[in-house]
Amino acid sequence: MRVPEQGVRSSGPALSARQPRAIHSALTVLEAVAELGAGATARELSARLALPRATTYRLLNLLVEDEYLVRTPDLSGFALGAKVAQLAAAVSPPRVPTAARALIADARLAMRGGIHVVGFADHRLHLVDEDPDFPLSDPVRLAREPERFALGLLLLVASGDTAPAATASAAELAALGGIRRTDGATPGYGCLAVPLRDADGAIAGGLAFSGPRHRIDDGEALVARLAPIAEQLAPFVT
């Protein structure tokens, strides 16, 4: 029996000798389903991976339970599930259509500041098109502390968050048509976001301008310029 090193505290349950191998086997099952395509059967996967049938069924059931796989409608096979799609989207954001890229490029040329496009899904913000010349000041902080950024506040409003910051932002959105943040991560700068709405009128993303604080303070002028762009852009990215 191995004795833990003195002074080292475990932060969670230790992996048993079998667990890393089981994790590897589960990942190879996912890879095999991706290669074989939707409808891959347990028999095909067992033969392809040289795994015992019982082990294959156990792994498949676990992956279905955790939504990494789904059963096909006739229940005879398996396909990649929602969790895999979420991981893929996180690594490779959706491509912006050519027409939308042209609108964004024109906005950046005209506005002389950072223009960013984001989408909202599952109460999370994902970048659709970040301005390469004026990148976001702190994307990690935006994800962790959304209330410090106009885009994050817009996400909270879209998610129905009842926090005071989101409530105040909802009021500003109703009055101004956009949300401002001038005391965020970068002193002297700020951001303003207007919503991108889907066909039902729900907030599905945001179009944001980032720049010097004095330009953000003139929120009505910025909203007047951004809102028509957002309206044209929304059908392409929501």
Protein backbone atom coordinates (compact mmCIF):
# COMPACT_ATOMS: atom_id res chain seq x y z
CA MET A 1 0.00 0.00 0.00
CA ARG A 2 1.38 3.42 -0.99
CA VAL A 3 1.69 5.96 1.81
CA PRO A 4 0.92 9.60 0.86
CA GLU A 5 3.89 11.94 0.95
CA GLN A 6 4.13 13.99 4.12
CA GLY A 7 2.69 17.49 3.79
CA VAL A 8 0.76 16.69 0.60
CA ARG A 9 -3.02 16.80 0.90
CA SER A 10 -5.30 15.21 -1.60
CA SER A 11 -7.75 17.64 -3.27
CA GLY A 12 -10.15 14.86 -4.24
CA PRO A 13 -10.56 11.13 -4.67
CA ALA A 14 -7.50 9.47 -6.14
CA LEU A 15 -7.72 7.66 -9.45
CA SER A 16 -7.57 3.90 -9.21
CA ALA A 17 -5.24 1.97 -11.48
CA ARG A 18 -8.19 1.07 -13.73
CA GLN A 19 -9.73 4.51 -14.15
CA PRO A 20 -7.24 6.06 -16.60
CA ARG A 21 -7.66 3.03 -18.85
CA ALA A 22 -11.45 3.29 -18.62
CA ILE A 23 -11.29 6.98 -19.54
CA HIS A 24 -9.09 6.16 -22.52
CA SER A 25 -11.53 3.45 -23.61
CA ALA A 26 -14.47 5.87 -23.40
CA LEU A 27 -12.61 8.39 -25.56
CA THR A 28 -11.78 5.75 -28.14
CA VAL A 29 -15.49 4.84 -28.27
CA LEU A 30 -16.31 8.50 -29.03
CA GLU A 31 -13.64 8.58 -31.74
CA ALA A 32 -14.97 5.36 -33.27
CA VAL A 33 -18.56 6.68 -33.36
CA ALA A 34 -17.28 9.84 -35.06
CA GLU A 35 -15.41 7.77 -37.65
CA LEU A 36 -18.19 5.23 -38.28
CA GLY A 37 -20.91 7.89 -38.34
CA ALA A 38 -24.38 8.05 -36.84
CA GLY A 39 -25.91 4.61 -36.41
CA ALA A 40 -22.75 2.81 -35.31
CA THR A 41 -23.85 -0.28 -33.37
CA ALA A 42 -22.43 -1.73 -30.19
CA ARG A 43 -21.36 -4.83 -32.16
CA GLU A 44 -19.46 -2.72 -34.70
CA LEU A 45 -17.78 -0.68 -31.99
CA SER A 46 -16.81 -3.76 -29.99
CA ALA A 47 -15.22 -5.36 -33.06
CA ARG A 48 -13.49 -2.17 -34.20
CA LEU A 49 -11.95 -1.46 -30.80
CA ALA A 50 -11.33 -5.08 -29.78
CA LEU A 51 -13.27 -4.51 -26.58
CA PRO A 52 -15.38 -7.11 -24.81
CA ARG A 53 -19.06 -6.70 -25.66
CA ALA A 54 -19.99 -6.13 -21.99
CA THR A 55 -17.36 -3.40 -21.64
CA THR A 56 -18.56 -1.72 -24.83
CA TYR A 57 -22.17 -1.69 -23.64
CA ARG A 58 -21.15 -0.30 -20.25
CA LEU A 59 -19.15 2.52 -21.84
CA LEU A 60 -21.93 3.32 -24.30
CA ASN A 61 -24.51 3.52 -21.55
CA LEU A 62 -22.32 5.87 -19.51
CA LEU A 63 -21.67 8.11 -22.53
CA VAL A 64 -25.39 8.24 -23.33
CA GLU A 65 -26.22 9.05 -19.72
CA ASP A 66 -23.77 11.98 -19.78
CA GLU A 67 -25.07 13.18 -23.21
CA TYR A 68 -21.81 12.57 -25.09
CA LEU A 69 -23.71 10.04 -27.21
CA VAL A 70 -27.37 9.61 -28.13
CA ARG A 71 -29.26 6.60 -29.39
CA THR A 72 -30.55 6.72 -32.95
CA PRO A 73 -34.36 6.92 -33.31
CA ASP A 74 -34.66 3.19 -34.03
CA LEU A 75 -32.49 2.43 -30.95
CA SER A 76 -30.19 0.23 -33.03
CA GLY A 77 -27.13 2.47 -32.96
CA PHE A 78 -25.45 5.55 -31.55
CA ALA A 79 -24.51 9.07 -32.64
CA LEU A 80 -22.52 11.93 -31.15
CA GLY A 81 -24.49 13.91 -28.60
CA ALA A 82 -24.97 17.49 -27.42
CA LYS A 83 -21.92 17.56 -25.13
CA VAL A 84 -19.61 16.77 -28.04
CA ALA A 85 -21.20 19.56 -30.09
CA GLN A 86 -20.66 21.99 -27.20
CA LEU A 87 -16.99 21.05 -26.95
CA ALA A 88 -16.54 21.43 -30.70
CA ALA A 89 -18.19 24.85 -30.67
CA ALA A 90 -15.91 25.99 -27.84
CA VAL A 91 -12.82 25.03 -29.81
CA SER A 92 -14.03 26.16 -33.24
CA PRO A 93 -16.53 29.03 -33.05
CA PRO A 94 -19.11 29.07 -35.86
CA ARG A 95 -17.98 30.75 -39.07
CA VAL A 96 -19.53 34.10 -39.80
CA PRO A 97 -21.24 34.27 -43.22
CA THR A 98 -19.63 36.48 -45.87
CA ALA A 99 -22.47 39.03 -45.75
CA ALA A 100 -22.10 39.35 -41.98
CA ARG A 101 -18.32 39.76 -42.23
CA ALA A 102 -18.85 42.62 -44.67
CA LEU A 103 -21.23 44.37 -42.26
CA ILE A 104 -18.77 43.95 -39.38
CA ALA A 105 -15.84 45.20 -41.48
CA ASP A 106 -17.79 48.31 -42.52
CA ALA A 107 -18.72 48.98 -38.89
CA ARG A 108 -15.10 48.73 -37.77
CA LEU A 109 -13.99 51.10 -40.48
CA ALA A 110 -16.67 53.64 -39.63
CA MET A 111 -16.57 53.45 -35.82
CA ARG A 112 -12.79 53.63 -35.26
CA GLY A 113 -12.88 51.41 -32.19
CA GLY A 114 -13.25 47.81 -31.16
CA ILE A 115 -16.29 46.08 -32.66
CA HIS A 116 -17.09 42.62 -31.28
CA VAL A 117 -19.89 40.16 -32.02
CA VAL A 118 -20.94 37.50 -29.51
CA GLY A 119 -23.66 34.90 -29.21
CA PHE A 120 -25.46 33.64 -26.10
CA ALA A 121 -26.23 29.97 -25.48
CA ASP A 122 -26.90 28.00 -22.28
CA HIS A 123 -26.36 31.16 -20.19
CA ARG A 124 -22.87 31.51 -21.63
CA LEU A 125 -21.21 33.96 -23.94
CA HIS A 126 -19.24 32.77 -26.96
CA LEU A 127 -17.22 34.94 -29.31
CA VAL A 128 -18.47 35.01 -32.88
CA ASP A 129 -16.11 37.69 -34.19
CA GLU A 130 -13.55 39.51 -32.03
CA ASP A 131 -11.98 42.65 -33.42
CA PRO A 132 -8.38 41.67 -34.28
CA ASP A 133 -7.13 45.28 -34.07
CA PHE A 134 -8.81 46.05 -30.73
CA PRO A 135 -9.13 42.67 -28.95
CA LEU A 136 -11.17 42.24 -25.79
CA SER A 137 -9.25 43.45 -22.74
CA ASP A 138 -9.80 40.30 -20.66
CA PRO A 139 -11.92 37.46 -22.17
CA VAL A 140 -11.30 35.23 -19.13
CA ARG A 141 -12.58 37.88 -16.75
CA LEU A 142 -15.53 38.50 -19.04
CA ALA A 143 -16.54 34.85 -18.61
CA ARG A 144 -15.97 34.84 -14.84
CA GLU A 145 -17.22 38.33 -13.94
CA PRO A 146 -19.74 39.26 -16.64
CA GLU A 147 -21.17 42.10 -14.56
CA ARG A 148 -17.98 44.11 -15.17
CA PHE A 149 -18.57 44.30 -18.93
CA ALA A 150 -21.39 45.60 -21.12
CA LEU A 151 -21.55 42.31 -23.05
CA GLY A 152 -21.63 40.36 -19.80
CA LEU A 153 -24.44 42.52 -18.43
CA LEU A 154 -26.37 42.00 -21.64
CA LEU A 155 -25.93 38.23 -21.16
CA LEU A 156 -27.29 38.49 -17.61
CA VAL A 157 -30.33 40.40 -18.86
CA ALA A 158 -30.90 37.84 -21.64
CA SER A 159 -30.63 35.02 -19.08
CA GLY A 160 -33.21 36.63 -16.80
CA ASP A 161 -30.71 37.16 -14.00
CA THR A 162 -32.29 39.00 -11.06
CA ALA A 163 -29.01 40.37 -9.64
CA PRO A 164 -29.05 44.15 -9.02
CA ALA A 165 -26.53 44.76 -11.82
CA ALA A 166 -28.70 42.92 -14.33
CA THR A 167 -31.85 44.70 -13.15
CA ALA A 168 -30.17 48.09 -13.60
CA SER A 169 -28.89 46.99 -17.00
CA ALA A 170 -32.37 45.92 -18.08
CA ALA A 171 -33.64 49.39 -17.23
CA GLU A 172 -30.84 51.01 -19.21
CA LEU A 173 -31.48 48.68 -22.13
CA ALA A 174 -35.14 49.65 -22.15
CA ALA A 175 -34.39 53.37 -21.97
CA LEU A 176 -31.28 53.62 -24.11
CA GLY A 177 -31.43 50.56 -26.35
CA GLY A 178 -28.00 49.47 -25.18
CA ILE A 179 -25.92 48.79 -22.08
CA ARG A 180 -22.86 50.83 -21.06
CA ARG A 181 -19.95 49.93 -18.79
CA THR A 182 -17.33 52.59 -18.08
CA ASP A 183 -15.71 51.25 -14.91
CA GLY A 184 -14.74 47.83 -16.22
CA ALA A 185 -11.36 46.16 -16.56
CA THR A 186 -9.39 48.97 -18.29
CA PRO A 187 -9.20 52.46 -16.69
CA GLY A 188 -10.19 55.24 -19.05
CA TYR A 189 -12.00 52.92 -21.41
CA GLY A 190 -15.41 51.35 -21.56
CA CYS A 191 -17.80 49.36 -23.68
CA LEU A 192 -21.35 49.59 -24.93
CA ALA A 193 -23.40 46.65 -26.17
CA VAL A 194 -26.64 46.49 -28.15
CA PRO A 195 -28.64 43.26 -28.45
CA LEU A 196 -28.80 40.91 -31.39
CA ARG A 197 -32.33 39.52 -31.38
CA ASP A 198 -33.55 36.28 -32.92
CA ALA A 199 -36.69 35.86 -35.02
CA ASP A 200 -38.82 35.76 -31.85
CA GLY A 201 -37.35 38.97 -30.49
CA ALA A 202 -35.30 37.30 -27.74
CA ILE A 203 -31.75 38.51 -27.06
CA ALA A 204 -29.50 35.90 -28.67
CA GLY A 205 -26.23 37.82 -28.70
CA GLY A 206 -24.65 41.22 -28.69
CA LEU A 207 -22.82 43.74 -30.82
CA ALA A 208 -20.34 45.77 -28.77
CA PHE A 209 -18.18 48.84 -29.18
CA SER A 210 -15.13 49.31 -26.95
CA GLY A 211 -13.13 52.52 -26.80
CA PRO A 212 -12.25 55.62 -24.76
CA ARG A 213 -14.62 56.43 -21.93
CA HIS A 214 -15.73 59.79 -23.34
CA ARG A 215 -17.15 58.02 -26.39
CA ILE A 216 -19.00 55.50 -24.20
CA ASP A 217 -20.51 58.33 -22.15
CA ASP A 218 -22.28 59.53 -25.28
CA GLY A 219 -24.34 56.38 -25.27
CA GLU A 220 -27.31 57.58 -27.29
CA ALA A 221 -25.11 58.51 -30.25
CA LEU A 222 -23.36 55.13 -30.15
CA VAL A 223 -26.63 53.21 -29.92
CA ALA A 224 -28.00 55.21 -32.86
CA ARG A 225 -25.07 53.99 -34.95
CA LEU A 226 -24.86 50.41 -33.64
CA ALA A 227 -28.55 49.49 -33.51
CA PRO A 228 -29.14 49.49 -37.31
CA ILE A 229 -26.00 47.39 -37.78
CA ALA A 230 -27.18 44.94 -35.13
CA GLU A 231 -30.56 44.67 -36.83
CA GLN A 232 -28.93 43.81 -40.17
CA LEU A 233 -26.43 41.45 -38.54
CA ALA A 234 -28.80 39.49 -36.32
CA PRO A 235 -30.28 37.15 -38.98
CA PHE A 236 -26.80 35.95 -39.91
CA VAL A 237 -25.56 35.09 -36.41
CA THR A 238 -28.63 34.17 -34.31
